[in-house]
Amino acid sequence: MGTGWAAVAISAGAAWMAEALRGGDKQLGGYVGTDCLFCKVVSGEVPSEKVFETEKVLAFRDINPQAPTHVLVVPKRHVGSAAELGTEHADELVDIFEVCNVVARQEGVDSSGYRIVTNVGRNAGQSVFHLHFHLLGGRPMTWPPG
């Protein structure tokens, strides 16, 4: 598999986060573009357990689940975080939330409840600098999170 940070992510679960925090393109504080982990997942270069896919959005299982249902929903086009969103992303955002609803139904958490979360920046816990939403369900959620 190689020794790159993507290989670390797949082979060692959450250990990739430490590697990601040590380097990468400093433009957005993390890996972007061709070195972006989620861009590589979207392209198929990095394997994932796909849950659902549309022309603009991919949903796949988190490699370090924090709930019985933990699916990541990402736009296929690279966007660093919610802080970069504009009107040009409107169609993708609609697709993202439609996919979240479909996935919640597929996973059987639509009636019991689920949480959709995105983090913006390191202090909020963003570790992959490609916009993504965590869909979490299958257990009671507490508030406040984190």
N, C-alpha and C. Protein backbone atom coordinates (compact mmCIF):
# COMPACT_ATOMS: atom_id res chain seq x y z
N MET A 1 0.80 -1.20 0.00
CA MET A 1 0.00 0.00 0.00
C MET A 1 0.84 1.26 0.00
N GLY A 2 2.07 1.21 0.33
CA GLY A 2 2.90 2.40 0.37
C GLY A 2 3.01 2.95 1.77
N THR A 3 3.75 4.05 1.87
CA THR A 3 3.97 4.63 3.19
C THR A 3 3.36 6.00 3.32
N GLY A 4 2.57 6.46 2.35
CA GLY A 4 1.94 7.77 2.41
C GLY A 4 0.92 7.85 3.52
N TRP A 5 0.46 9.07 3.79
CA TRP A 5 -0.50 9.26 4.88
C TRP A 5 -1.82 8.58 4.59
N ALA A 6 -2.20 8.43 3.32
CA ALA A 6 -3.45 7.73 3.00
C ALA A 6 -3.36 6.27 3.41
N ALA A 7 -2.19 5.66 3.22
CA ALA A 7 -2.01 4.27 3.64
C ALA A 7 -2.12 4.15 5.14
N VAL A 8 -1.61 5.13 5.86
CA VAL A 8 -1.71 5.13 7.32
C VAL A 8 -3.18 5.18 7.72
N ALA A 9 -3.97 6.01 7.00
CA ALA A 9 -5.39 6.17 7.33
C ALA A 9 -6.13 4.84 7.21
N ILE A 10 -5.86 4.12 6.14
CA ILE A 10 -6.59 2.89 5.91
C ILE A 10 -6.10 1.79 6.83
N SER A 11 -4.80 1.68 7.03
CA SER A 11 -4.26 0.56 7.79
C SER A 11 -4.33 0.74 9.29
N ALA A 12 -4.34 1.98 9.75
CA ALA A 12 -4.26 2.17 11.19
C ALA A 12 -5.42 2.97 11.77
N GLY A 13 -6.52 3.07 11.03
CA GLY A 13 -7.69 3.76 11.57
C GLY A 13 -7.40 5.19 11.92
N ALA A 14 -7.67 5.58 13.14
CA ALA A 14 -7.55 6.98 13.55
C ALA A 14 -6.11 7.47 13.61
N ALA A 15 -5.14 6.58 13.52
CA ALA A 15 -3.73 7.02 13.56
C ALA A 15 -3.40 7.98 12.43
N TRP A 16 -4.14 7.90 11.34
CA TRP A 16 -3.88 8.82 10.22
C TRP A 16 -4.07 10.27 10.63
N MET A 17 -4.96 10.52 11.61
CA MET A 17 -5.22 11.89 12.00
C MET A 17 -3.95 12.57 12.51
N ALA A 18 -3.17 11.87 13.31
CA ALA A 18 -1.93 12.44 13.82
C ALA A 18 -0.99 12.79 12.68
N GLU A 19 -0.89 11.90 11.69
CA GLU A 19 -0.04 12.17 10.53
C GLU A 19 -0.54 13.38 9.76
N ALA A 20 -1.86 13.46 9.58
CA ALA A 20 -2.44 14.58 8.83
C ALA A 20 -2.15 15.90 9.54
N LEU A 21 -2.18 15.88 10.85
CA LEU A 21 -1.93 17.11 11.60
C LEU A 21 -0.48 17.54 11.55
N ARG A 22 0.43 16.62 11.19
CA ARG A 22 1.86 16.96 11.12
C ARG A 22 2.27 17.60 9.81
N GLY A 23 1.46 17.48 8.77
CA GLY A 23 1.94 17.99 7.49
C GLY A 23 0.83 18.28 6.53
N GLY A 24 1.20 18.31 5.27
CA GLY A 24 0.23 18.57 4.23
C GLY A 24 0.28 20.00 3.75
N ASP A 25 -0.56 20.32 2.82
CA ASP A 25 -0.65 21.65 2.25
C ASP A 25 -1.16 22.61 3.31
N LYS A 26 -0.40 23.63 3.64
CA LYS A 26 -0.77 24.54 4.72
C LYS A 26 -1.79 25.57 4.29
N GLN A 27 -2.14 25.61 3.01
CA GLN A 27 -3.11 26.57 2.51
C GLN A 27 -4.37 26.61 3.34
N LEU A 28 -4.95 25.46 3.62
CA LEU A 28 -6.18 25.38 4.39
C LEU A 28 -5.96 24.64 5.70
N GLY A 29 -4.71 24.47 6.08
CA GLY A 29 -4.43 23.78 7.33
C GLY A 29 -4.52 22.28 7.24
N GLY A 30 -4.57 21.71 6.06
CA GLY A 30 -4.67 20.26 5.91
C GLY A 30 -4.47 19.87 4.47
N TYR A 31 -4.74 18.63 4.17
CA TYR A 31 -4.55 18.12 2.82
C TYR A 31 -5.68 18.59 1.92
N VAL A 32 -5.31 19.08 0.75
CA VAL A 32 -6.30 19.57 -0.20
C VAL A 32 -5.98 19.05 -1.59
N GLY A 33 -6.96 19.14 -2.48
CA GLY A 33 -6.75 18.79 -3.88
C GLY A 33 -6.30 17.36 -4.06
N THR A 34 -5.20 17.16 -4.79
CA THR A 34 -4.76 15.81 -5.13
C THR A 34 -4.29 15.02 -3.93
N ASP A 35 -3.96 15.68 -2.82
CA ASP A 35 -3.54 14.96 -1.62
C ASP A 35 -4.68 14.82 -0.60
N CYS A 36 -5.87 15.24 -0.97
CA CYS A 36 -7.01 15.19 -0.05
C CYS A 36 -7.51 13.75 0.09
N LEU A 37 -7.59 13.26 1.31
CA LEU A 37 -8.06 11.90 1.57
C LEU A 37 -9.43 11.66 0.97
N PHE A 38 -10.37 12.58 1.18
CA PHE A 38 -11.73 12.34 0.69
C PHE A 38 -11.83 12.48 -0.82
N CYS A 39 -10.99 13.32 -1.44
CA CYS A 39 -10.94 13.35 -2.90
C CYS A 39 -10.48 12.00 -3.43
N LYS A 40 -9.53 11.37 -2.71
CA LYS A 40 -9.05 10.05 -3.11
C LYS A 40 -10.12 8.98 -2.89
N VAL A 41 -10.93 9.13 -1.86
CA VAL A 41 -12.05 8.21 -1.65
C VAL A 41 -13.05 8.37 -2.78
N VAL A 42 -13.38 9.61 -3.12
CA VAL A 42 -14.33 9.88 -4.20
C VAL A 42 -13.84 9.28 -5.52
N SER A 43 -12.55 9.42 -5.80
CA SER A 43 -12.00 8.92 -7.07
C SER A 43 -11.83 7.40 -7.08
N GLY A 44 -11.91 6.77 -5.90
CA GLY A 44 -11.72 5.34 -5.80
C GLY A 44 -10.27 4.94 -5.54
N GLU A 45 -9.38 5.92 -5.48
CA GLU A 45 -7.97 5.64 -5.21
C GLU A 45 -7.78 5.07 -3.80
N VAL A 46 -8.58 5.56 -2.86
CA VAL A 46 -8.59 5.02 -1.49
C VAL A 46 -9.92 4.29 -1.32
N PRO A 47 -9.88 3.02 -0.93
CA PRO A 47 -11.12 2.26 -0.80
C PRO A 47 -11.99 2.75 0.34
N SER A 48 -13.28 2.55 0.17
CA SER A 48 -14.23 2.90 1.23
C SER A 48 -15.40 1.93 1.15
N GLU A 49 -16.18 1.91 2.21
CA GLU A 49 -17.41 1.12 2.20
C GLU A 49 -18.55 2.06 1.83
N LYS A 50 -18.84 2.13 0.54
CA LYS A 50 -19.88 3.04 0.04
C LYS A 50 -21.24 2.61 0.56
N VAL A 51 -22.01 3.62 0.95
CA VAL A 51 -23.36 3.40 1.44
C VAL A 51 -24.38 3.90 0.42
N PHE A 52 -24.07 5.03 -0.22
CA PHE A 52 -24.98 5.62 -1.21
C PHE A 52 -24.18 6.62 -2.03
N GLU A 53 -24.64 6.82 -3.28
CA GLU A 53 -23.91 7.73 -4.15
C GLU A 53 -24.87 8.37 -5.14
N THR A 54 -24.64 9.66 -5.41
CA THR A 54 -25.33 10.38 -6.47
C THR A 54 -24.26 10.98 -7.38
N GLU A 55 -24.69 11.73 -8.35
CA GLU A 55 -23.75 12.37 -9.26
C GLU A 55 -22.82 13.35 -8.52
N LYS A 56 -23.33 13.97 -7.45
CA LYS A 56 -22.58 15.03 -6.76
C LYS A 56 -22.10 14.67 -5.37
N VAL A 57 -22.60 13.57 -4.81
CA VAL A 57 -22.37 13.26 -3.39
C VAL A 57 -22.04 11.78 -3.20
N LEU A 58 -21.15 11.51 -2.25
CA LEU A 58 -20.80 10.15 -1.87
C LEU A 58 -21.01 9.99 -0.37
N ALA A 59 -21.62 8.88 0.04
CA ALA A 59 -21.77 8.53 1.45
C ALA A 59 -21.03 7.22 1.68
N PHE A 60 -20.20 7.19 2.73
CA PHE A 60 -19.44 5.98 3.04
C PHE A 60 -19.25 5.89 4.55
N ARG A 61 -18.97 4.67 5.02
CA ARG A 61 -18.82 4.44 6.47
C ARG A 61 -17.53 5.05 6.99
N ASP A 62 -17.62 5.64 8.17
CA ASP A 62 -16.45 6.19 8.85
C ASP A 62 -15.57 5.03 9.31
N ILE A 63 -14.25 5.17 9.17
CA ILE A 63 -13.34 4.09 9.58
C ILE A 63 -13.14 4.05 11.09
N ASN A 64 -13.61 5.09 11.80
CA ASN A 64 -13.51 5.14 13.25
C ASN A 64 -14.88 5.53 13.81
N PRO A 65 -15.87 4.62 13.71
CA PRO A 65 -17.25 5.00 14.05
C PRO A 65 -17.42 5.38 15.52
N GLN A 66 -18.23 6.43 15.72
CA GLN A 66 -18.53 6.92 17.06
C GLN A 66 -19.96 6.57 17.48
N ALA A 67 -20.65 5.83 16.63
CA ALA A 67 -22.02 5.38 16.92
C ALA A 67 -22.26 4.15 16.05
N PRO A 68 -23.29 3.37 16.39
CA PRO A 68 -23.58 2.19 15.56
C PRO A 68 -23.76 2.53 14.08
N THR A 69 -24.37 3.66 13.80
CA THR A 69 -24.43 4.19 12.43
C THR A 69 -23.56 5.43 12.40
N HIS A 70 -22.50 5.40 11.60
CA HIS A 70 -21.62 6.57 11.44
C HIS A 70 -21.19 6.59 9.98
N VAL A 71 -21.86 7.43 9.22
CA VAL A 71 -21.63 7.54 7.79
C VAL A 71 -21.16 8.95 7.48
N LEU A 72 -20.16 9.07 6.62
CA LEU A 72 -19.68 10.37 6.16
C LEU A 72 -20.34 10.68 4.82
N VAL A 73 -20.83 11.89 4.68
CA VAL A 73 -21.47 12.33 3.45
C VAL A 73 -20.66 13.50 2.93
N VAL A 74 -20.10 13.35 1.72
CA VAL A 74 -19.18 14.35 1.18
C VAL A 74 -19.60 14.78 -0.23
N PRO A 75 -19.36 16.06 -0.56
CA PRO A 75 -19.53 16.44 -1.96
C PRO A 75 -18.37 15.87 -2.76
N LYS A 76 -18.63 15.48 -3.99
CA LYS A 76 -17.55 14.94 -4.82
C LYS A 76 -16.59 16.04 -5.25
N ARG A 77 -17.09 17.25 -5.39
CA ARG A 77 -16.23 18.39 -5.71
C ARG A 77 -15.55 18.85 -4.42
N HIS A 78 -14.26 19.11 -4.48
CA HIS A 78 -13.53 19.51 -3.28
C HIS A 78 -13.96 20.88 -2.79
N VAL A 79 -14.36 20.92 -1.53
CA VAL A 79 -14.63 22.15 -0.79
C VAL A 79 -13.97 21.92 0.56
N GLY A 80 -13.12 22.84 1.01
CA GLY A 80 -12.36 22.62 2.23
C GLY A 80 -13.19 22.48 3.49
N SER A 81 -14.22 23.31 3.64
CA SER A 81 -15.08 23.25 4.83
C SER A 81 -16.32 24.09 4.56
N ALA A 82 -17.23 24.10 5.51
CA ALA A 82 -18.45 24.91 5.39
C ALA A 82 -18.12 26.39 5.29
N ALA A 83 -16.95 26.80 5.78
CA ALA A 83 -16.56 28.21 5.70
C ALA A 83 -16.35 28.68 4.26
N GLU A 84 -16.16 27.75 3.34
CA GLU A 84 -15.94 28.09 1.93
C GLU A 84 -17.22 28.04 1.10
N LEU A 85 -18.33 27.69 1.70
CA LEU A 85 -19.56 27.52 0.94
C LEU A 85 -20.12 28.86 0.46
N GLY A 86 -20.68 28.83 -0.74
CA GLY A 86 -21.34 29.99 -1.32
C GLY A 86 -22.55 29.54 -2.11
N THR A 87 -23.18 30.48 -2.78
CA THR A 87 -24.38 30.15 -3.54
C THR A 87 -24.09 29.14 -4.64
N GLU A 88 -22.86 29.09 -5.11
CA GLU A 88 -22.50 28.12 -6.15
C GLU A 88 -22.54 26.68 -5.66
N HIS A 89 -22.67 26.48 -4.35
CA HIS A 89 -22.72 25.13 -3.78
C HIS A 89 -24.14 24.70 -3.42
N ALA A 90 -25.13 25.49 -3.78
CA ALA A 90 -26.52 25.23 -3.36
C ALA A 90 -26.99 23.84 -3.78
N ASP A 91 -26.76 23.46 -5.04
CA ASP A 91 -27.23 22.15 -5.51
C ASP A 91 -26.57 21.01 -4.74
N GLU A 92 -25.28 21.16 -4.46
CA GLU A 92 -24.58 20.11 -3.71
C GLU A 92 -25.12 20.00 -2.29
N LEU A 93 -25.44 21.12 -1.67
CA LEU A 93 -25.97 21.08 -0.31
C LEU A 93 -27.34 20.41 -0.27
N VAL A 94 -28.18 20.70 -1.25
CA VAL A 94 -29.47 20.01 -1.32
C VAL A 94 -29.23 18.51 -1.45
N ASP A 95 -28.34 18.12 -2.36
CA ASP A 95 -28.02 16.69 -2.54
C ASP A 95 -27.49 16.07 -1.25
N ILE A 96 -26.61 16.78 -0.56
CA ILE A 96 -26.03 16.26 0.69
C ILE A 96 -27.14 15.91 1.68
N PHE A 97 -28.08 16.84 1.88
CA PHE A 97 -29.12 16.58 2.87
C PHE A 97 -30.14 15.56 2.37
N GLU A 98 -30.39 15.49 1.08
CA GLU A 98 -31.24 14.42 0.55
C GLU A 98 -30.57 13.07 0.77
N VAL A 99 -29.26 12.99 0.53
CA VAL A 99 -28.52 11.74 0.76
C VAL A 99 -28.56 11.38 2.25
N CYS A 100 -28.40 12.36 3.13
CA CYS A 100 -28.49 12.08 4.57
C CYS A 100 -29.83 11.44 4.90
N ASN A 101 -30.91 11.95 4.34
CA ASN A 101 -32.24 11.39 4.60
C ASN A 101 -32.36 9.97 4.07
N VAL A 102 -31.86 9.73 2.87
CA VAL A 102 -31.90 8.38 2.29
C VAL A 102 -31.08 7.41 3.14
N VAL A 103 -29.89 7.82 3.53
CA VAL A 103 -29.02 6.96 4.33
C VAL A 103 -29.66 6.67 5.68
N ALA A 104 -30.25 7.67 6.31
CA ALA A 104 -30.91 7.46 7.60
C ALA A 104 -32.02 6.41 7.46
N ARG A 105 -32.77 6.48 6.38
CA ARG A 105 -33.82 5.46 6.15
C ARG A 105 -33.20 4.09 5.92
N GLN A 106 -32.18 4.02 5.06
CA GLN A 106 -31.51 2.74 4.77
C GLN A 106 -30.94 2.11 6.03
N GLU A 107 -30.39 2.94 6.90
CA GLU A 107 -29.74 2.44 8.12
C GLU A 107 -30.73 2.19 9.25
N GLY A 108 -31.99 2.58 9.05
CA GLY A 108 -33.02 2.33 10.06
C GLY A 108 -32.98 3.27 11.24
N VAL A 109 -32.40 4.46 11.08
CA VAL A 109 -32.34 5.41 12.19
C VAL A 109 -33.26 6.62 11.96
N ASP A 110 -34.02 6.60 10.87
CA ASP A 110 -34.87 7.74 10.54
C ASP A 110 -35.96 7.97 11.57
N SER A 111 -36.52 6.93 12.14
CA SER A 111 -37.60 7.12 13.11
C SER A 111 -37.10 7.29 14.53
N SER A 112 -35.94 6.71 14.86
CA SER A 112 -35.41 6.84 16.22
C SER A 112 -34.63 8.13 16.41
N GLY A 113 -34.15 8.71 15.32
CA GLY A 113 -33.40 9.97 15.40
C GLY A 113 -31.95 9.78 15.04
N TYR A 114 -31.39 10.83 14.48
CA TYR A 114 -29.98 10.83 14.08
C TYR A 114 -29.45 12.25 14.12
N ARG A 115 -28.15 12.36 14.13
CA ARG A 115 -27.48 13.66 14.19
C ARG A 115 -26.66 13.83 12.93
N ILE A 116 -26.66 15.06 12.40
CA ILE A 116 -25.81 15.43 11.27
C ILE A 116 -24.89 16.53 11.77
N VAL A 117 -23.57 16.30 11.63
CA VAL A 117 -22.57 17.24 12.17
C VAL A 117 -21.51 17.53 11.12
N THR A 118 -21.09 18.79 11.06
CA THR A 118 -19.89 19.14 10.31
C THR A 118 -19.02 20.01 11.21
N ASN A 119 -17.73 19.85 11.10
CA ASN A 119 -16.78 20.63 11.88
C ASN A 119 -16.05 21.58 10.94
N VAL A 120 -15.76 22.80 11.43
CA VAL A 120 -15.07 23.79 10.62
C VAL A 120 -13.81 24.22 11.36
N GLY A 121 -12.66 23.79 10.88
CA GLY A 121 -11.38 24.16 11.48
C GLY A 121 -10.90 23.18 12.53
N ARG A 122 -9.60 23.25 12.79
CA ARG A 122 -8.96 22.32 13.74
C ARG A 122 -9.56 22.37 15.13
N ASN A 123 -9.82 23.57 15.65
CA ASN A 123 -10.34 23.67 17.01
C ASN A 123 -11.73 23.08 17.15
N ALA A 124 -12.44 22.95 16.06
CA ALA A 124 -13.76 22.32 16.08
C ALA A 124 -13.67 20.82 15.88
N GLY A 125 -12.47 20.32 15.57
CA GLY A 125 -12.28 18.89 15.38
C GLY A 125 -12.19 18.45 13.93
N GLN A 126 -12.13 19.42 12.98
CA GLN A 126 -12.00 19.02 11.58
C GLN A 126 -10.60 18.47 11.36
N SER A 127 -10.54 17.22 10.88
CA SER A 127 -9.25 16.57 10.67
C SER A 127 -8.98 16.29 9.19
N VAL A 128 -10.03 16.26 8.39
CA VAL A 128 -9.88 16.13 6.94
C VAL A 128 -10.48 17.38 6.34
N PHE A 129 -9.68 18.12 5.60
CA PHE A 129 -10.12 19.42 5.09
C PHE A 129 -10.77 19.29 3.72
N HIS A 130 -11.86 18.53 3.74
CA HIS A 130 -12.80 18.37 2.63
C HIS A 130 -14.15 18.36 3.32
N LEU A 131 -15.03 19.26 2.94
CA LEU A 131 -16.34 19.34 3.58
C LEU A 131 -16.94 17.95 3.72
N HIS A 132 -17.39 17.63 4.91
CA HIS A 132 -18.06 16.36 5.14
C HIS A 132 -19.01 16.48 6.32
N PHE A 133 -20.05 15.70 6.24
CA PHE A 133 -21.06 15.66 7.28
C PHE A 133 -21.07 14.26 7.88
N HIS A 134 -21.05 14.20 9.19
CA HIS A 134 -21.15 12.93 9.91
C HIS A 134 -22.63 12.68 10.16
N LEU A 135 -23.13 11.54 9.74
CA LEU A 135 -24.48 11.12 10.08
C LEU A 135 -24.32 10.05 11.15
N LEU A 136 -24.80 10.36 12.34
CA LEU A 136 -24.64 9.47 13.50
C LEU A 136 -26.00 9.05 14.03
N GLY A 137 -26.15 7.78 14.33
CA GLY A 137 -27.40 7.30 14.89
C GLY A 137 -27.24 5.91 15.48
N GLY A 138 -28.35 5.39 15.98
CA GLY A 138 -28.34 4.05 16.54
C GLY A 138 -28.05 4.01 18.02
N ARG A 139 -27.95 5.18 18.64
CA ARG A 139 -27.77 5.27 20.09
C ARG A 139 -28.26 6.64 20.54
N PRO A 140 -28.59 6.79 21.83
CA PRO A 140 -28.98 8.12 22.31
C PRO A 140 -27.80 9.10 22.21
N MET A 141 -28.06 10.30 21.78
CA MET A 141 -27.05 11.35 21.69
C MET A 141 -27.19 12.27 22.89
N THR A 142 -26.08 12.77 23.36
CA THR A 142 -26.12 13.71 24.50
C THR A 142 -25.87 15.12 23.98
N TRP A 143 -26.18 16.10 24.84
CA TRP A 143 -25.94 17.49 24.51
C TRP A 143 -25.38 18.17 25.74
N PRO A 144 -24.40 19.00 25.64
CA PRO A 144 -23.76 19.39 24.38
C PRO A 144 -22.77 18.32 23.92
N PRO A 145 -22.57 18.26 22.59
CA PRO A 145 -21.57 17.30 22.07
C PRO A 145 -20.17 17.84 22.32
N GLY A 146 -19.24 16.99 22.64
CA GLY A 146 -17.86 17.44 22.80
C GLY A 146 -17.68 18.26 23.97
